[in-house]
Amino acid sequence: SKRLYLNYRSTSSIQRFCQAYRQLGSAIEQGTEDTESDRAFREGPPVQLLIAENKDDLLPALLDQIRFCIDQLDYEAENLAVLAPQEKMLEAVDKKLTELHIPSARLKDADFSFEDSQGIRLSSLHSSKGLDFPVVLVYLPHLSHFSNFDADVHDSQDHNLIYVACSRAMDYLVIASPENSKFKAIADLHQLTELAEIQRV
């Protein structure tokens, strides 16, 4: 196998953010940082970190970003994806989008089609692997652990999952998360303030 070092999917700002976050996860998993660095050839806006003291403020802030992308940046709804750890979180997003008369489509629905389904794409973090979208909004009120792995294994898995979700973004990446999360994989996102634009909500 051969590793490709030039990223044709994401902008350089998204690439730098994801690379730095992956190194934090590598340090947990291996005890050392991953020093190999990929490159991207497109410039773009900084990653947006929405940080809320109150978890209840995360979803309204996420919806504001969706409206901004559609109304101000002129993205079609089909070019936006909201990724979240659990289906019930996507249900909450879907409900609010319906109230705002913004169409949405869930990737896990039996009749979903990238060609025919209208609206913002809604997907779990797991199901987003292998996909890409011009705009990705990662909604992280919390994470869920259903297995009996120890804390280090959970941290490694969480970092890998969030890295995969963030690296789906092509043009614009928004991450919404609580300020004082008990999950290290979420708290580590807030260490990357030099690589992102912070919005406290």
N, C-alpha and C. Protein backbone atom coordinates (compact mmCIF):
# COMPACT_ATOMS: atom_id res chain seq x y z
N SER A 1 0.84 -1.19 0.00
CA SER A 1 0.00 0.00 0.00
C SER A 1 0.88 1.24 0.00
N LYS A 2 0.29 2.34 -0.41
CA LYS A 2 1.02 3.60 -0.48
C LYS A 2 0.15 4.70 0.11
N ARG A 3 0.74 5.49 0.98
CA ARG A 3 0.00 6.59 1.59
C ARG A 3 0.05 7.82 0.69
N LEU A 4 -1.10 8.46 0.55
CA LEU A 4 -1.18 9.70 -0.22
C LEU A 4 -1.08 10.88 0.73
N TYR A 5 -0.20 11.81 0.42
CA TYR A 5 0.05 12.93 1.33
C TYR A 5 -0.63 14.22 0.88
N LEU A 6 -1.23 14.23 -0.29
CA LEU A 6 -1.91 15.44 -0.77
C LEU A 6 -3.41 15.22 -0.66
N ASN A 7 -4.07 16.05 0.13
CA ASN A 7 -5.49 15.95 0.38
C ASN A 7 -6.24 16.79 -0.66
N TYR A 8 -7.02 16.11 -1.50
CA TYR A 8 -7.80 16.80 -2.52
C TYR A 8 -9.22 17.10 -2.05
N ARG A 9 -9.61 16.59 -0.88
CA ARG A 9 -10.97 16.79 -0.40
C ARG A 9 -11.13 18.12 0.32
N SER A 10 -10.31 18.36 1.33
CA SER A 10 -10.55 19.45 2.28
C SER A 10 -9.65 20.65 2.01
N THR A 11 -10.05 21.79 2.57
CA THR A 11 -9.21 22.97 2.53
C THR A 11 -8.03 22.81 3.49
N SER A 12 -7.06 23.68 3.35
CA SER A 12 -5.87 23.59 4.21
C SER A 12 -6.22 23.85 5.67
N SER A 13 -7.17 24.73 5.94
CA SER A 13 -7.54 25.01 7.34
C SER A 13 -8.20 23.79 7.98
N ILE A 14 -9.07 23.11 7.25
CA ILE A 14 -9.69 21.88 7.77
C ILE A 14 -8.64 20.80 7.92
N GLN A 15 -7.75 20.69 6.95
CA GLN A 15 -6.71 19.67 7.00
C GLN A 15 -5.80 19.86 8.22
N ARG A 16 -5.37 21.10 8.46
CA ARG A 16 -4.48 21.37 9.59
C ARG A 16 -5.18 21.05 10.92
N PHE A 17 -6.44 21.44 11.02
CA PHE A 17 -7.20 21.17 12.25
C PHE A 17 -7.32 19.66 12.49
N CYS A 18 -7.72 18.94 11.47
CA CYS A 18 -7.90 17.48 11.61
C CYS A 18 -6.59 16.79 11.91
N GLN A 19 -5.52 17.24 11.27
CA GLN A 19 -4.21 16.63 11.51
C GLN A 19 -3.78 16.84 12.96
N ALA A 20 -3.96 18.06 13.47
CA ALA A 20 -3.58 18.34 14.85
C ALA A 20 -4.42 17.52 15.82
N TYR A 21 -5.71 17.38 15.51
CA TYR A 21 -6.58 16.58 16.37
C TYR A 21 -6.19 15.10 16.32
N ARG A 22 -5.85 14.61 15.16
CA ARG A 22 -5.42 13.21 15.03
C ARG A 22 -4.16 12.94 15.83
N GLN A 23 -3.28 13.93 15.89
CA GLN A 23 -2.05 13.76 16.67
C GLN A 23 -2.36 13.65 18.16
N LEU A 24 -3.36 14.39 18.62
CA LEU A 24 -3.77 14.25 20.03
C LEU A 24 -4.25 12.83 20.29
N GLY A 25 -5.04 12.29 19.36
CA GLY A 25 -5.52 10.91 19.50
C GLY A 25 -4.40 9.90 19.40
N SER A 26 -3.42 10.16 18.53
CA SER A 26 -2.29 9.25 18.39
C SER A 26 -1.47 9.21 19.66
N ALA A 27 -1.34 10.36 20.31
CA ALA A 27 -0.58 10.40 21.56
C ALA A 27 -1.25 9.55 22.63
N ILE A 28 -2.58 9.52 22.64
CA ILE A 28 -3.30 8.68 23.60
C ILE A 28 -3.09 7.21 23.28
N GLU A 29 -3.22 6.87 22.00
CA GLU A 29 -3.23 5.46 21.61
C GLU A 29 -1.84 4.85 21.65
N GLN A 30 -0.83 5.60 21.21
CA GLN A 30 0.49 5.02 21.02
C GLN A 30 1.53 5.53 22.02
N GLY A 31 1.19 6.58 22.74
CA GLY A 31 2.17 7.15 23.65
C GLY A 31 3.10 8.14 22.98
N THR A 32 2.95 8.31 21.67
CA THR A 32 3.77 9.27 20.93
C THR A 32 2.88 9.98 19.92
N GLU A 33 3.32 11.16 19.50
CA GLU A 33 2.56 11.90 18.51
C GLU A 33 2.89 11.38 17.11
N ASP A 34 1.89 11.42 16.24
CA ASP A 34 2.07 11.09 14.83
C ASP A 34 2.64 12.32 14.15
N THR A 35 3.87 12.25 13.69
CA THR A 35 4.52 13.44 13.16
C THR A 35 4.38 13.58 11.65
N GLU A 36 3.81 12.56 10.95
CA GLU A 36 3.62 12.68 9.53
C GLU A 36 2.52 13.70 9.25
N SER A 37 2.71 14.48 8.21
CA SER A 37 1.78 15.57 7.94
C SER A 37 1.29 15.51 6.51
N ASP A 38 -0.03 15.54 6.32
CA ASP A 38 -0.62 15.63 4.99
C ASP A 38 -0.72 17.09 4.59
N ARG A 39 -0.94 17.31 3.31
CA ARG A 39 -1.07 18.67 2.80
C ARG A 39 -2.37 18.79 2.00
N ALA A 40 -2.92 19.99 1.99
CA ALA A 40 -4.08 20.29 1.16
C ALA A 40 -3.70 21.43 0.22
N PHE A 41 -4.36 21.48 -0.93
CA PHE A 41 -3.97 22.49 -1.92
C PHE A 41 -4.95 23.65 -2.03
N ARG A 42 -6.07 23.62 -1.27
CA ARG A 42 -7.06 24.70 -1.32
C ARG A 42 -7.09 25.46 -0.01
N GLU A 43 -7.22 26.77 -0.10
CA GLU A 43 -7.43 27.59 1.09
C GLU A 43 -8.92 27.69 1.37
N GLY A 44 -9.25 28.05 2.61
CA GLY A 44 -10.66 28.18 2.97
C GLY A 44 -10.82 28.85 4.31
N PRO A 45 -12.06 29.05 4.73
CA PRO A 45 -12.31 29.73 6.01
C PRO A 45 -11.86 28.86 7.18
N PRO A 46 -11.61 29.48 8.33
CA PRO A 46 -11.20 28.69 9.50
C PRO A 46 -12.31 27.78 9.99
N VAL A 47 -11.92 26.72 10.65
CA VAL A 47 -12.87 25.84 11.33
C VAL A 47 -13.58 26.65 12.41
N GLN A 48 -14.88 26.43 12.55
CA GLN A 48 -15.68 27.13 13.54
C GLN A 48 -15.93 26.21 14.73
N LEU A 49 -15.50 26.64 15.91
CA LEU A 49 -15.77 25.89 17.14
C LEU A 49 -16.84 26.63 17.94
N LEU A 50 -18.03 26.05 18.02
CA LEU A 50 -19.10 26.61 18.83
C LEU A 50 -19.03 25.94 20.20
N ILE A 51 -18.74 26.71 21.24
CA ILE A 51 -18.55 26.17 22.58
C ILE A 51 -19.61 26.78 23.49
N ALA A 52 -20.40 25.90 24.11
CA ALA A 52 -21.50 26.38 24.95
C ALA A 52 -21.30 25.93 26.39
N GLU A 53 -21.54 26.84 27.31
CA GLU A 53 -21.50 26.48 28.73
C GLU A 53 -22.70 25.60 29.07
N ASN A 54 -23.81 25.87 28.42
CA ASN A 54 -25.04 25.10 28.62
C ASN A 54 -25.30 24.27 27.37
N LYS A 55 -25.43 22.96 27.50
CA LYS A 55 -25.67 22.08 26.35
C LYS A 55 -26.91 22.48 25.56
N ASP A 56 -27.91 23.03 26.24
CA ASP A 56 -29.15 23.40 25.57
C ASP A 56 -28.95 24.52 24.55
N ASP A 57 -27.83 25.24 24.66
CA ASP A 57 -27.55 26.33 23.72
C ASP A 57 -26.86 25.85 22.45
N LEU A 58 -26.44 24.59 22.43
CA LEU A 58 -25.69 24.09 21.27
C LEU A 58 -26.55 24.00 20.01
N LEU A 59 -27.74 23.43 20.15
CA LEU A 59 -28.58 23.22 18.97
C LEU A 59 -29.01 24.54 18.33
N PRO A 60 -29.47 25.53 19.10
CA PRO A 60 -29.79 26.82 18.46
C PRO A 60 -28.59 27.43 17.74
N ALA A 61 -27.40 27.31 18.32
CA ALA A 61 -26.20 27.84 17.66
C ALA A 61 -25.90 27.09 16.37
N LEU A 62 -26.11 25.78 16.39
CA LEU A 62 -25.92 24.97 15.19
C LEU A 62 -26.91 25.39 14.10
N LEU A 63 -28.15 25.62 14.48
CA LEU A 63 -29.17 26.04 13.52
C LEU A 63 -28.84 27.41 12.93
N ASP A 64 -28.28 28.29 13.74
CA ASP A 64 -27.85 29.60 13.23
C ASP A 64 -26.78 29.43 12.14
N GLN A 65 -25.87 28.49 12.36
CA GLN A 65 -24.83 28.23 11.36
C GLN A 65 -25.44 27.65 10.08
N ILE A 66 -26.43 26.80 10.22
CA ILE A 66 -27.11 26.25 9.04
C ILE A 66 -27.76 27.37 8.24
N ARG A 67 -28.46 28.25 8.94
CA ARG A 67 -29.11 29.37 8.24
C ARG A 67 -28.05 30.27 7.58
N PHE A 68 -26.92 30.48 8.26
CA PHE A 68 -25.85 31.30 7.68
C PHE A 68 -25.33 30.67 6.39
N CYS A 69 -25.11 29.37 6.41
CA CYS A 69 -24.57 28.69 5.22
C CYS A 69 -25.54 28.76 4.06
N ILE A 70 -26.84 28.64 4.35
CA ILE A 70 -27.84 28.65 3.28
C ILE A 70 -28.14 30.08 2.82
N ASP A 71 -28.35 30.99 3.79
CA ASP A 71 -28.80 32.34 3.45
C ASP A 71 -27.66 33.26 3.02
N GLN A 72 -26.50 33.15 3.68
CA GLN A 72 -25.40 34.07 3.40
C GLN A 72 -24.34 33.49 2.46
N LEU A 73 -24.05 32.21 2.61
CA LEU A 73 -23.02 31.58 1.77
C LEU A 73 -23.60 30.92 0.53
N ASP A 74 -24.93 30.89 0.43
CA ASP A 74 -25.64 30.38 -0.75
C ASP A 74 -25.40 28.90 -1.04
N TYR A 75 -25.18 28.11 0.00
CA TYR A 75 -25.10 26.67 -0.19
C TYR A 75 -26.51 26.10 -0.32
N GLU A 76 -26.68 25.15 -1.22
CA GLU A 76 -27.92 24.38 -1.28
C GLU A 76 -27.98 23.48 -0.05
N ALA A 77 -29.18 23.21 0.43
CA ALA A 77 -29.32 22.37 1.62
C ALA A 77 -28.66 21.01 1.44
N GLU A 78 -28.67 20.48 0.23
CA GLU A 78 -28.10 19.17 -0.04
C GLU A 78 -26.58 19.14 0.14
N ASN A 79 -25.96 20.31 0.21
CA ASN A 79 -24.51 20.39 0.38
C ASN A 79 -24.09 20.44 1.85
N LEU A 80 -25.07 20.43 2.75
CA LEU A 80 -24.79 20.46 4.19
C LEU A 80 -25.06 19.10 4.80
N ALA A 81 -24.22 18.72 5.75
CA ALA A 81 -24.44 17.49 6.51
C ALA A 81 -24.27 17.78 7.99
N VAL A 82 -25.22 17.29 8.80
CA VAL A 82 -25.10 17.34 10.25
C VAL A 82 -24.76 15.93 10.72
N LEU A 83 -23.65 15.81 11.43
CA LEU A 83 -23.18 14.51 11.93
C LEU A 83 -23.23 14.54 13.45
N ALA A 84 -23.76 13.49 14.04
CA ALA A 84 -23.90 13.41 15.50
C ALA A 84 -23.66 11.98 15.97
N PRO A 85 -23.30 11.81 17.24
CA PRO A 85 -23.00 10.47 17.74
C PRO A 85 -24.19 9.53 17.80
N GLN A 86 -25.39 10.04 18.01
CA GLN A 86 -26.55 9.18 18.21
C GLN A 86 -27.72 9.58 17.31
N GLU A 87 -28.54 8.60 16.99
CA GLU A 87 -29.72 8.86 16.18
C GLU A 87 -30.70 9.79 16.89
N LYS A 88 -30.81 9.68 18.20
CA LYS A 88 -31.76 10.56 18.91
C LYS A 88 -31.33 12.02 18.84
N MET A 89 -30.02 12.27 18.74
CA MET A 89 -29.55 13.64 18.55
C MET A 89 -29.95 14.15 17.16
N LEU A 90 -29.86 13.27 16.17
CA LEU A 90 -30.28 13.64 14.81
C LEU A 90 -31.78 13.89 14.76
N GLU A 91 -32.54 13.13 15.54
CA GLU A 91 -33.98 13.35 15.60
C GLU A 91 -34.30 14.75 16.11
N ALA A 92 -33.54 15.20 17.13
CA ALA A 92 -33.75 16.55 17.67
C ALA A 92 -33.41 17.61 16.62
N VAL A 93 -32.32 17.40 15.87
CA VAL A 93 -31.96 18.32 14.80
C VAL A 93 -33.05 18.33 13.73
N ASP A 94 -33.49 17.15 13.34
CA ASP A 94 -34.52 17.01 12.30
C ASP A 94 -35.79 17.76 12.69
N LYS A 95 -36.20 17.61 13.95
CA LYS A 95 -37.41 18.28 14.43
C LYS A 95 -37.28 19.80 14.32
N LYS A 96 -36.14 20.34 14.75
CA LYS A 96 -35.94 21.79 14.69
C LYS A 96 -35.88 22.29 13.25
N LEU A 97 -35.25 21.51 12.36
CA LEU A 97 -35.20 21.90 10.95
C LEU A 97 -36.59 21.94 10.35
N THR A 98 -37.42 20.98 10.72
CA THR A 98 -38.80 20.96 10.23
C THR A 98 -39.54 22.21 10.69
N GLU A 99 -39.33 22.61 11.95
CA GLU A 99 -39.98 23.82 12.47
C GLU A 99 -39.55 25.06 11.71
N LEU A 100 -38.32 25.04 11.19
CA LEU A 100 -37.79 26.18 10.44
C LEU A 100 -38.06 26.05 8.94
N HIS A 101 -38.79 25.01 8.56
CA HIS A 101 -39.12 24.75 7.15
C HIS A 101 -37.88 24.55 6.30
N ILE A 102 -36.87 23.91 6.90
CA ILE A 102 -35.66 23.54 6.17
C ILE A 102 -35.71 22.03 5.95
N PRO A 103 -35.70 21.58 4.70
CA PRO A 103 -35.82 20.14 4.45
C PRO A 103 -34.56 19.39 4.91
N SER A 104 -34.76 18.12 5.28
CA SER A 104 -33.63 17.29 5.68
C SER A 104 -33.90 15.85 5.28
N ALA A 105 -32.84 15.07 5.19
CA ALA A 105 -32.94 13.66 4.80
C ALA A 105 -31.93 12.86 5.61
N ARG A 106 -32.39 11.75 6.17
CA ARG A 106 -31.52 10.93 7.00
C ARG A 106 -30.92 9.81 6.17
N LEU A 107 -29.60 9.67 6.26
CA LEU A 107 -28.90 8.71 5.43
C LEU A 107 -29.33 7.28 5.71
N LYS A 108 -29.75 7.00 6.92
CA LYS A 108 -30.13 5.62 7.26
C LYS A 108 -31.53 5.25 6.81
N ASP A 109 -32.34 6.21 6.34
CA ASP A 109 -33.67 5.90 5.86
C ASP A 109 -33.60 4.99 4.63
N ALA A 110 -34.52 4.04 4.56
CA ALA A 110 -34.48 3.05 3.49
C ALA A 110 -34.62 3.68 2.11
N ASP A 111 -35.36 4.79 2.01
CA ASP A 111 -35.57 5.41 0.71
C ASP A 111 -34.60 6.55 0.41
N PHE A 112 -33.55 6.70 1.23
CA PHE A 112 -32.61 7.79 1.00
C PHE A 112 -31.81 7.55 -0.28
N SER A 113 -31.60 8.62 -1.02
CA SER A 113 -30.78 8.59 -2.22
C SER A 113 -30.04 9.91 -2.35
N PHE A 114 -28.73 9.85 -2.57
CA PHE A 114 -27.97 11.09 -2.74
C PHE A 114 -28.46 11.86 -3.96
N GLU A 115 -28.93 11.17 -4.96
CA GLU A 115 -29.39 11.84 -6.19
C GLU A 115 -30.77 12.45 -6.02
N ASP A 116 -31.65 11.77 -5.30
CA ASP A 116 -33.06 12.17 -5.29
C ASP A 116 -33.53 12.81 -3.98
N SER A 117 -32.93 12.48 -2.86
CA SER A 117 -33.40 12.99 -1.58
C SER A 117 -33.04 14.47 -1.43
N GLN A 118 -33.99 15.24 -0.95
CA GLN A 118 -33.82 16.68 -0.80
C GLN A 118 -33.49 17.04 0.64
N GLY A 119 -32.71 18.10 0.82
CA GLY A 119 -32.49 18.65 2.15
C GLY A 119 -31.13 18.33 2.74
N ILE A 120 -30.92 18.88 3.93
CA ILE A 120 -29.68 18.68 4.67
C ILE A 120 -29.52 17.21 5.01
N ARG A 121 -28.33 16.68 4.82
CA ARG A 121 -28.06 15.28 5.11
C ARG A 121 -27.81 15.12 6.62
N LEU A 122 -28.46 14.16 7.22
CA LEU A 122 -28.30 13.87 8.65
C LEU A 122 -27.73 12.46 8.78
N SER A 123 -26.62 12.35 9.52
CA SER A 123 -25.95 11.05 9.63
C SER A 123 -25.29 10.91 10.98
N SER A 124 -25.19 9.66 11.45
CA SER A 124 -24.38 9.39 12.63
C SER A 124 -22.91 9.53 12.25
N LEU A 125 -22.06 9.71 13.26
CA LEU A 125 -20.63 9.79 13.00
C LEU A 125 -20.14 8.52 12.32
N HIS A 126 -20.60 7.37 12.79
CA HIS A 126 -20.16 6.10 12.22
C HIS A 126 -20.51 6.00 10.74
N SER A 127 -21.71 6.39 10.38
CA SER A 127 -22.18 6.22 9.00
C SER A 127 -21.55 7.21 8.03
N SER A 128 -20.86 8.21 8.54
CA SER A 128 -20.28 9.22 7.65
C SER A 128 -18.95 8.76 7.03
N LYS A 129 -18.40 7.68 7.52
CA LYS A 129 -17.11 7.23 7.02
C LYS A 129 -17.18 6.94 5.52
N GLY A 130 -16.21 7.46 4.79
CA GLY A 130 -16.15 7.26 3.36
C GLY A 130 -16.91 8.29 2.54
N LEU A 131 -17.65 9.19 3.21
CA LEU A 131 -18.41 10.21 2.51
C LEU A 131 -17.71 11.56 2.60
N ASP A 132 -18.16 12.52 1.82
CA ASP A 132 -17.71 13.90 1.99
C ASP A 132 -18.83 14.84 1.60
N PHE A 133 -18.78 16.04 2.19
CA PHE A 133 -19.81 17.05 1.99
C PHE A 133 -19.13 18.42 1.97
N PRO A 134 -19.61 19.36 1.17
CA PRO A 134 -19.03 20.71 1.19
C PRO A 134 -19.03 21.35 2.58
N VAL A 135 -20.15 21.21 3.31
CA VAL A 135 -20.26 21.78 4.65
C VAL A 135 -20.61 20.65 5.62
N VAL A 136 -19.83 20.54 6.69
CA VAL A 136 -20.09 19.54 7.73
C VAL A 136 -20.26 20.26 9.06
N LEU A 137 -21.36 19.94 9.75
CA LEU A 137 -21.62 20.46 11.09
C LEU A 137 -21.63 19.27 12.04
N VAL A 138 -20.65 19.21 12.91
CA VAL A 138 -20.52 18.09 13.84
C VAL A 138 -21.15 18.51 15.17
N TYR A 139 -22.20 17.80 15.55
CA TYR A 139 -22.98 18.13 16.74
C TYR A 139 -22.61 17.15 17.84
N LEU A 140 -21.92 17.65 18.89
CA LEU A 140 -21.34 16.80 19.93
C LEU A 140 -21.78 17.21 21.33
N PRO A 141 -23.07 17.13 21.65
CA PRO A 141 -23.46 17.44 23.04
C PRO A 141 -22.82 16.49 24.03
N HIS A 142 -22.63 15.23 23.61
CA HIS A 142 -21.93 14.25 24.43
C HIS A 142 -21.65 13.03 23.56
N LEU A 143 -20.92 12.06 24.10
CA LEU A 143 -20.63 10.81 23.41
C LEU A 143 -21.29 9.67 24.18
N SER A 144 -21.36 8.53 23.55
CA SER A 144 -22.00 7.38 24.18
C SER A 144 -21.08 6.17 24.14
N HIS A 145 -20.99 5.48 25.25
CA HIS A 145 -20.18 4.26 25.34
C HIS A 145 -21.08 3.10 25.74
N PHE A 146 -21.18 2.13 24.86
CA PHE A 146 -22.05 0.99 25.12
C PHE A 146 -21.27 -0.29 25.40
N SER A 147 -19.97 -0.22 25.38
CA SER A 147 -19.15 -1.42 25.61
C SER A 147 -18.44 -1.30 26.96
N ASN A 148 -17.71 -2.35 27.31
CA ASN A 148 -17.00 -2.38 28.60
C ASN A 148 -15.51 -2.15 28.45
N PHE A 149 -15.10 -1.45 27.40
CA PHE A 149 -13.69 -1.14 27.23
C PHE A 149 -13.22 -0.18 28.32
N ASP A 150 -11.91 -0.18 28.57
CA ASP A 150 -11.39 0.75 29.57
C ASP A 150 -11.32 2.16 28.99
N ALA A 151 -10.96 3.11 29.84
CA ALA A 151 -11.01 4.53 29.46
C ALA A 151 -10.09 4.85 28.29
N ASP A 152 -8.89 4.26 28.26
CA ASP A 152 -7.95 4.56 27.18
C ASP A 152 -8.49 4.09 25.83
N VAL A 153 -9.11 2.91 25.82
CA VAL A 153 -9.68 2.41 24.57
C VAL A 153 -10.83 3.30 24.11
N HIS A 154 -11.69 3.70 25.06
CA HIS A 154 -12.78 4.61 24.71
C HIS A 154 -12.23 5.92 24.15
N ASP A 155 -11.22 6.49 24.80
CA ASP A 155 -10.64 7.75 24.33
C ASP A 155 -10.12 7.60 22.91
N SER A 156 -9.42 6.51 22.64
CA SER A 156 -8.87 6.28 21.31
C SER A 156 -9.98 6.15 20.28
N GLN A 157 -11.01 5.38 20.60
CA GLN A 157 -12.13 5.21 19.67
C GLN A 157 -12.87 6.52 19.44
N ASP A 158 -13.07 7.29 20.51
CA ASP A 158 -13.76 8.57 20.38
C ASP A 158 -12.97 9.54 19.49
N HIS A 159 -11.66 9.61 19.72
CA HIS A 159 -10.84 10.49 18.89
C HIS A 159 -10.90 10.08 17.42
N ASN A 160 -10.80 8.78 17.16
CA ASN A 160 -10.85 8.31 15.78
C ASN A 160 -12.18 8.66 15.12
N LEU A 161 -13.26 8.48 15.86
CA LEU A 161 -14.59 8.74 15.31
C LEU A 161 -14.79 10.22 15.01
N ILE A 162 -14.38 11.08 15.92
CA ILE A 162 -14.53 12.52 15.69
C ILE A 162 -13.62 12.97 14.56
N TYR A 163 -12.41 12.40 14.49
CA TYR A 163 -11.51 12.73 13.38
C TYR A 163 -12.15 12.38 12.04
N VAL A 164 -12.73 11.19 11.95
CA VAL A 164 -13.38 10.77 10.71
C VAL A 164 -14.50 11.75 10.35
N ALA A 165 -15.33 12.12 11.32
CA ALA A 165 -16.44 13.03 11.05
C ALA A 165 -15.94 14.39 10.57
N CYS A 166 -14.95 14.95 11.24
CA CYS A 166 -14.44 16.28 10.88
C CYS A 166 -13.78 16.27 9.50
N SER A 167 -13.12 15.19 9.17
CA SER A 167 -12.40 15.12 7.90
C SER A 167 -13.32 14.86 6.71
N ARG A 168 -14.65 14.76 6.94
CA ARG A 168 -15.60 14.64 5.83
C ARG A 168 -15.83 15.98 5.17
N ALA A 169 -15.45 17.08 5.83
CA ALA A 169 -15.76 18.43 5.33
C ALA A 169 -14.82 18.81 4.19
N MET A 170 -15.39 19.38 3.15
CA MET A 170 -14.61 19.83 2.00
C MET A 170 -14.28 21.32 2.08
N ASP A 171 -15.29 22.16 2.40
CA ASP A 171 -15.12 23.62 2.37
C ASP A 171 -15.20 24.27 3.74
N TYR A 172 -16.13 23.79 4.56
CA TYR A 172 -16.46 24.52 5.79
C TYR A 172 -16.81 23.51 6.86
N LEU A 173 -16.18 23.65 8.03
CA LEU A 173 -16.39 22.72 9.14
C LEU A 173 -16.80 23.49 10.38
N VAL A 174 -17.91 23.06 10.99
CA VAL A 174 -18.41 23.63 12.23
C VAL A 174 -18.54 22.51 13.25
N ILE A 175 -18.04 22.74 14.46
CA ILE A 175 -18.14 21.75 15.53
C ILE A 175 -18.81 22.41 16.72
N ALA A 176 -19.90 21.82 17.19
CA ALA A 176 -20.64 22.35 18.34
C ALA A 176 -20.47 21.40 19.51
N SER A 177 -19.94 21.90 20.62
CA SER A 177 -19.66 21.03 21.77
C SER A 177 -19.73 21.83 23.07
N PRO A 178 -19.98 21.14 24.19
CA PRO A 178 -20.06 21.83 25.49
C PRO A 178 -18.68 22.21 26.00
N GLU A 179 -18.65 23.25 26.81
CA GLU A 179 -17.38 23.77 27.29
C GLU A 179 -16.68 22.82 28.26
N ASN A 180 -17.41 22.24 29.18
CA ASN A 180 -16.81 21.39 30.21
C ASN A 180 -17.26 19.95 30.03
N SER A 181 -16.81 19.33 28.95
CA SER A 181 -17.22 17.96 28.68
C SER A 181 -16.38 16.98 29.49
N LYS A 182 -17.02 15.92 29.96
CA LYS A 182 -16.29 14.88 30.67
C LYS A 182 -15.57 13.95 29.70
N PHE A 183 -15.84 14.09 28.41
CA PHE A 183 -15.22 13.24 27.40
C PHE A 183 -13.94 13.91 26.89
N LYS A 184 -12.82 13.23 27.05
CA LYS A 184 -11.54 13.82 26.66
C LYS A 184 -11.49 14.14 25.17
N ALA A 185 -12.12 13.28 24.36
CA ALA A 185 -12.10 13.50 22.92
C ALA A 185 -12.80 14.80 22.52
N ILE A 186 -13.80 15.20 23.29
CA ILE A 186 -14.46 16.49 23.05
C ILE A 186 -13.63 17.63 23.63
N ALA A 187 -13.15 17.45 24.86
CA ALA A 187 -12.35 18.50 25.49
C ALA A 187 -11.10 18.81 24.67
N ASP A 188 -10.51 17.81 24.03
CA ASP A 188 -9.30 18.03 23.24
C ASP A 188 -9.55 18.93 22.04
N LEU A 189 -10.76 18.95 21.53
CA LEU A 189 -11.08 19.87 20.43
C LEU A 189 -10.80 21.31 20.83
N HIS A 190 -11.04 21.62 22.10
CA HIS A 190 -10.91 22.99 22.58
C HIS A 190 -9.45 23.39 22.79
N GLN A 191 -8.54 22.43 22.67
CA GLN A 191 -7.12 22.77 22.74
C GLN A 191 -6.61 23.40 21.45
N LEU A 192 -7.37 23.26 20.37
CA LEU A 192 -6.90 23.66 19.05
C LEU A 192 -7.37 25.07 18.69
N THR A 193 -7.36 25.94 19.68
CA THR A 193 -7.89 27.30 19.47
C THR A 193 -7.10 28.09 18.43
N GLU A 194 -5.82 27.79 18.25
CA GLU A 194 -5.02 28.51 17.28
C GLU A 194 -5.37 28.12 15.85
N LEU A 195 -6.06 27.01 15.68
CA LEU A 195 -6.40 26.50 14.36
C LEU A 195 -7.88 26.67 14.05
N ALA A 196 -8.61 27.37 14.88
CA ALA A 196 -10.05 27.52 14.70
C ALA A 196 -10.51 28.89 15.17
N GLU A 197 -11.69 29.25 14.72
CA GLU A 197 -12.35 30.47 15.20
C GLU A 197 -13.35 30.06 16.27
N ILE A 198 -13.24 30.63 17.45
CA ILE A 198 -14.06 30.24 18.60
C ILE A 198 -15.28 31.13 18.68
N GLN A 199 -16.45 30.50 18.85
CA GLN A 199 -17.67 31.23 19.14
C GLN A 199 -18.27 30.66 20.41
N ARG A 200 -18.30 31.43 21.47
CA ARG A 200 -18.92 30.99 22.71
C ARG A 200 -20.39 31.35 22.68
N VAL A 201 -21.23 30.35 22.93
CA VAL A 201 -22.67 30.55 22.78
C VAL A 201 -23.37 30.26 24.10
